[in-house]
Amino acid sequence: MNIPALKEQSHDEVVDHAQQGQPVWPRIALVTPVRNSVRYLEETIRSVLSQAYPNLDYFIVDGDSTDGSLEIIRKYENEISGWISESDNGMYDAINKGFARTTGEIMGWISATDKLHTAGLSVVGSVFRDLPEVEWITGRPTGFNQGGETTIVLDVPRWSRSRFLAGANRYIQQESTFWRRGLWEKAGGCVDASHRSAGDFELWLRFFRHARLHSVDALIGGFRWHPDSDSISAMDNYNRICEEHLDRELRCLPTLNGVRLFRKMTRAIQPIPKLRGAWNRLAVRALYRLTGSDWPPVIKYQDHAWKISS
């Protein structure tokens, strides 16, 4: 176990930068949970550190790895805020441990098989610096192949709480999502570690109670597809847990009768193969894409600054 002193900009450095007209970068708390991911861990760490973000609070939490992951962590221990290695109750428990040991005002996590895109942290830091009213962001959904090459870049997503509750789209890409610590604290200050999957989904439900999710037209992070990725059976379990979280959330929102009706119809149709495809295509996807006032505007880089577009 090793927990070096946190490396952050001092007050004098911040004041000096401000006086010189240089941007004051918000401190980003980034956590990587890892257990026996030696094959990809170094590439993940390098995707973070190679960005040279000037105010990074990067903490790695290892769950008693036995495959050489600790040797990789030690290789970079002088370049990160700290690390621990001990038994835990899964990835979300590890994430909670990591965030408890960070001080950054902007928060996010990147798993030990995934990666950040070049300058992704600069996107995050500058968006939160320039737009103080924004509490929660996500970038374009992206994916890497087993070799770490970017192979998937999707359109800019749009998010609405009511549509999310209806099930129009439940896959907010965690690797591209960051938020302010104030939102984290208002939402309970932890990731639900009672299940081994869908902890991110449950966290998004709590975030939606307090803030709108803004999409950023930029690349931030991505998911790596590899042989150890979740299987179809694991995705079925993920979706089942998501449904449980949605039902529990809707019980606390008695006014959303339209959302309940839509979900009831979806559940009734899903077991019918001949209707399922048409319903998903014509109703579920249409609900996700339909423009409306409940969609927050997208954040775009225009005229040398991040702006909330109309």
Foldseek 3Di string as FASTA:
>chain_A
DKAAAADFDDPVRQVVCVVVVHDDFFEEEEEEEDAQPVVQQLVAVCLPPVLPDPHYAYEYEYAQHDNCPVVSCVVCQVVHRIYDYHHALADQRRVLVRVVPTDTQKYAYDYRRWHWDRCLSVVVRQVCRVDVVAFKEFEFEWEAENVGHTDDTDDFFWDFLLLCLLVLDQCRDRQGMMGGVVLCVQLPVGFDSPDNECSVSLSVNSSNVPHGYAYEHDGTIYYYDDPPPDDPVSVVVNVVVSVVSSVVSVVVVVVSVVSVVSNVVLVVQCVPVVRNVVCSVPPSNCSRPDDDPSTFAHWYQDPNGTDRDD
